[in-house]
């Protein structure tokens, strides 16, 4: 019922995995798989996120490490890549890579990643293997990767009473803001965040209106 109500109120739903949030002046760009959407405010309500980068992952993101097979796979056509699959729901991504690349599919996390020339060395407990790209496919993206400037403490996003983060225009609600992990609290925070966003957008419109007069 809540979903139908949101759609009836004009909300446009997009299903996909958010890979990054990028400040763009007075708006934000959100990368959703191979798609890109833009908005004046963002609310992060992704629940508990236990994703933690592996050694070397952050250093080589965009330089031999990727989170999106459909975005970057074509760059490695006919070349050796690894697909590190750390959750369900990535069958289509794996099939896409298998259709264009030489793919090793791994279901266990790497011990570490490091560069050697223009290749990435993926270390496991058994061996080191060189690839042109390592695709890390998992349900959650670490907050430090999603939005590097976002302040966190003990894995939770820091918010004020209005559910505003340290970044103007970015709000958070629910379990991602820390304990207690209860549905009633999450719903209340979501409502607070929505009202805060409405005020934020209204204030921005008022400032823009004054500047044009």
Protein backbone atom coordinates (compact mmCIF):
# COMPACT_ATOMS: atom_id res chain seq x y z
CA UNK A 1 0.00 0.00 0.00
CA UNK A 2 2.83 2.38 0.78
CA UNK A 3 4.45 1.59 -2.57
CA UNK A 4 1.20 2.22 -4.45
CA UNK A 5 0.70 5.44 -2.53
CA UNK A 6 4.21 6.64 -3.47
CA UNK A 7 3.63 5.84 -7.14
CA UNK A 8 0.24 7.53 -7.04
CA UNK A 9 1.87 10.64 -5.62
CA UNK A 10 4.25 10.84 -8.56
CA UNK A 11 7.31 8.99 -7.26
CA UNK A 12 9.32 7.34 -10.02
CA UNK A 13 10.84 4.03 -8.94
CA UNK A 14 14.16 2.78 -10.29
CA UNK A 15 15.48 -0.59 -9.18
CA UNK A 16 19.23 -1.04 -9.19
CA UNK A 17 22.40 -0.85 -7.15
CA UNK A 18 23.66 2.63 -6.36
CA UNK A 19 27.39 2.81 -7.03
CA UNK A 20 28.16 6.43 -6.18
CA UNK A 21 26.69 9.80 -5.22
CA UNK A 22 28.41 12.83 -6.74
CA UNK A 23 27.87 16.44 -5.60
CA UNK A 24 27.23 18.64 -8.66
CA UNK A 25 26.93 22.20 -7.41
CA UNK A 26 23.33 22.63 -6.28
CA UNK A 27 22.36 19.05 -7.14
CA UNK A 28 23.60 15.46 -6.87
CA UNK A 29 24.26 12.85 -9.50
CA UNK A 30 23.51 9.26 -8.55
CA UNK A 31 25.03 6.38 -10.48
CA UNK A 32 22.63 3.41 -10.58
CA UNK A 33 24.32 0.56 -12.43
CA UNK A 34 24.86 1.91 -15.95
CA UNK A 35 22.19 4.62 -15.48
CA UNK A 36 22.57 8.10 -14.03
CA UNK A 37 19.94 10.23 -12.29
CA UNK A 38 20.09 13.72 -10.82
CA UNK A 39 18.30 15.37 -7.89
CA UNK A 40 18.49 18.39 -5.61
CA UNK A 41 18.52 16.26 -2.45
CA UNK A 42 19.36 12.69 -1.50
CA UNK A 43 18.16 10.50 1.36
CA UNK A 44 20.20 7.39 2.14
CA UNK A 45 18.00 4.70 3.66
CA UNK A 46 19.85 1.54 2.69
CA UNK A 47 19.70 -0.24 6.04
CA UNK A 48 22.77 -1.79 7.61
CA UNK A 49 25.77 -1.75 5.32
CA UNK A 50 28.58 -4.12 6.23
CA UNK A 51 30.53 -3.68 3.02
CA UNK A 52 34.17 -3.03 3.78
CA UNK A 53 36.76 -2.44 1.06
CA UNK A 54 39.41 -5.12 0.64
CA UNK A 55 43.07 -4.07 0.83
CA UNK A 56 43.84 -2.28 -2.43
CA UNK A 57 40.19 -2.01 -3.54
CA UNK A 58 39.76 1.72 -2.99
CA UNK A 59 43.20 2.55 -4.37
CA UNK A 60 42.51 0.91 -7.73
CA UNK A 61 38.82 1.72 -8.18
CA UNK A 62 38.52 2.98 -11.74
CA UNK A 63 42.03 1.78 -12.50
CA UNK A 64 41.58 -1.97 -12.75
CA UNK A 65 38.80 -2.42 -10.17
CA UNK A 66 35.12 -1.90 -11.06
CA UNK A 67 31.73 -2.39 -9.40
CA UNK A 68 29.70 -2.35 -12.63
CA UNK A 69 30.01 -5.10 -15.24
CA UNK A 70 27.59 -3.50 -17.71
CA UNK A 71 29.29 -0.10 -17.38
CA UNK A 72 32.91 -1.15 -17.83
CA UNK A 73 32.81 -4.64 -19.31
CA UNK A 74 33.13 -3.46 -22.91
CA UNK A 75 36.43 -1.79 -22.05
CA UNK A 76 37.90 -5.27 -21.49
CA UNK A 77 36.52 -7.17 -24.48
CA UNK A 78 38.46 -10.41 -25.08
CA UNK A 79 40.72 -9.66 -22.12
CA UNK A 80 41.18 -11.60 -18.85
CA UNK A 81 39.01 -10.34 -16.00
CA UNK A 82 37.79 -11.66 -12.68
CA UNK A 83 34.20 -11.47 -11.45
CA UNK A 84 34.20 -11.64 -7.65
CA UNK A 85 30.56 -12.50 -6.88
CA UNK A 86 29.74 -11.84 -3.23
CA UNK A 87 25.97 -12.24 -3.15
CA UNK A 88 22.90 -13.26 -5.11
CA UNK A 89 21.38 -11.37 -8.02
CA UNK A 90 24.44 -10.98 -10.24
CA UNK A 91 23.77 -13.77 -12.77
CA UNK A 92 23.03 -11.28 -15.53
CA UNK A 93 26.25 -9.35 -14.83
CA UNK A 94 28.29 -12.55 -14.98
CA UNK A 95 26.63 -13.68 -18.24
CA UNK A 96 27.33 -10.27 -19.75
CA UNK A 97 31.03 -10.53 -18.91
CA UNK A 98 31.21 -14.13 -20.10
CA UNK A 99 29.86 -13.03 -23.47
CA UNK A 100 32.63 -10.51 -24.10
CA UNK A 101 35.59 -11.28 -21.82
CA UNK A 102 37.78 -14.12 -20.59
CA UNK A 103 36.24 -14.48 -17.14
CA UNK A 104 37.24 -16.23 -13.94
CA UNK A 105 34.24 -16.30 -11.58
CA UNK A 106 35.20 -16.24 -7.90
CA UNK A 107 32.76 -16.64 -5.03
CA UNK A 108 35.16 -15.93 -2.18
CA UNK A 109 36.48 -12.47 -1.33
CA UNK A 110 40.09 -11.68 -2.25
CA UNK A 111 42.73 -11.32 0.41
CA UNK A 112 44.15 -8.24 -1.31
CA UNK A 113 44.46 -6.40 -4.60
CA UNK A 114 47.59 -4.71 -5.91
CA UNK A 115 48.85 -3.23 -9.15
CA UNK A 116 51.61 -4.66 -11.28
CA UNK A 117 52.18 -2.56 -14.35
CA UNK A 118 48.79 -2.05 -16.00
CA UNK A 119 47.27 -5.17 -14.43
CA UNK A 120 45.69 -5.94 -11.09
CA UNK A 121 46.96 -8.84 -9.01
CA UNK A 122 44.19 -10.60 -7.08
CA UNK A 123 45.54 -12.49 -4.09
CA UNK A 124 43.69 -15.41 -2.53
CA UNK A 125 44.76 -17.83 0.16
CA UNK A 126 46.07 -20.13 -2.58
CA UNK A 127 47.55 -17.96 -5.32
CA UNK A 128 48.11 -14.61 -7.02
CA UNK A 129 46.49 -14.08 -10.43
CA UNK A 130 46.87 -11.12 -12.80
CA UNK A 131 43.81 -9.61 -14.50
CA UNK A 132 43.15 -6.60 -16.67
CA UNK A 133 40.18 -5.81 -14.44
CA UNK A 134 38.59 -7.17 -11.28
CA UNK A 135 34.81 -6.71 -11.05
CA UNK A 136 33.62 -6.79 -7.44
CA UNK A 137 29.90 -7.63 -7.45
CA UNK A 138 28.25 -7.39 -4.05
CA UNK A 139 24.92 -6.06 -2.76
CA UNK A 140 26.34 -3.20 -0.69
CA UNK A 141 28.86 -0.52 -1.50
CA UNK A 142 30.97 0.86 1.34
CA UNK A 143 29.84 4.29 2.50
CA UNK A 144 33.34 5.66 1.99
CA UNK A 145 33.02 4.70 -1.67
CA UNK A 146 29.40 5.77 -2.09
CA UNK A 147 30.05 9.32 -0.88
CA UNK A 148 33.61 9.82 0.43
CA UNK A 149 32.88 13.12 2.27
CA UNK A 150 30.07 11.56 4.34
CA UNK A 151 30.82 11.56 8.06
CA UNK A 152 30.39 8.21 9.80
CA UNK A 153 31.08 6.79 13.23
CA UNK A 154 31.35 3.05 13.95
CA UNK A 155 29.88 2.28 10.54
CA UNK A 156 26.82 4.52 11.00
CA UNK A 157 26.01 7.79 9.23
CA UNK A 158 26.05 10.85 11.49
CA UNK A 159 22.84 12.91 11.34
CA UNK A 160 21.28 15.78 13.27
CA UNK A 161 17.70 15.99 14.59
CA UNK A 162 16.47 16.75 11.05
CA UNK A 163 18.25 13.66 9.68
CA UNK A 164 20.66 15.96 7.84
CA UNK A 165 24.19 14.62 7.31
CA UNK A 166 27.31 16.78 7.28
CA UNK A 167 26.69 17.39 3.55
CA UNK A 168 23.92 19.94 2.79
CA UNK A 169 21.21 18.24 0.76
CA UNK A 170 22.12 14.71 1.87
CA UNK A 171 19.91 13.09 4.50
CA UNK A 172 19.86 9.60 6.03
CA UNK A 173 17.27 7.51 7.85
CA UNK A 174 16.82 4.07 9.36
CA UNK A 175 19.31 1.45 10.48
CA UNK A 176 22.12 3.12 8.56
CA UNK A 177 22.12 5.86 11.22
CA UNK A 178 22.86 3.35 14.01
CA UNK A 179 21.10 1.52 16.84
CA UNK A 180 18.45 0.80 17.94
CA UNK A 181 17.56 -1.18 14.82
CA UNK A 182 13.76 -1.02 14.95
CA UNK A 183 11.19 -0.59 12.20
CA UNK A 184 9.20 2.03 14.11
CA UNK A 185 12.29 4.18 14.54
CA UNK A 186 13.25 3.81 10.89
CA UNK A 187 9.78 4.85 9.71
CA UNK A 188 9.79 7.87 12.00
CA UNK A 189 13.21 8.93 10.77
CA UNK A 190 12.09 8.52 7.17
CA UNK A 191 9.14 10.82 7.84
CA UNK A 192 11.42 13.38 9.52
CA UNK A 193 13.86 13.22 6.60
CA UNK A 194 11.06 13.76 4.07
CA UNK A 195 9.77 16.84 5.91
CA UNK A 196 13.32 18.17 6.26
CA UNK A 197 13.92 17.72 2.53
CA UNK A 198 10.70 19.61 1.76
CA UNK A 199 11.94 22.53 3.88
CA UNK A 200 15.40 22.31 2.31
CA UNK A 201 13.98 22.51 -1.22
CA UNK A 202 11.57 25.31 -0.27
CA UNK A 203 14.42 27.37 1.21
CA UNK A 204 16.45 26.83 -1.95
CA UNK A 205 13.53 27.95 -4.13
CA UNK A 206 13.06 31.07 -1.97
CA UNK A 207 16.75 31.98 -2.28
CA UNK A 208 16.66 31.50 -6.05
CA UNK A 209 13.52 33.61 -6.32
CA UNK A 210 15.10 36.48 -4.35
CA UNK A 211 18.25 36.36 -6.44
CA UNK A 212 16.26 36.81 -9.66
CA UNK A 213 14.32 39.86 -8.36
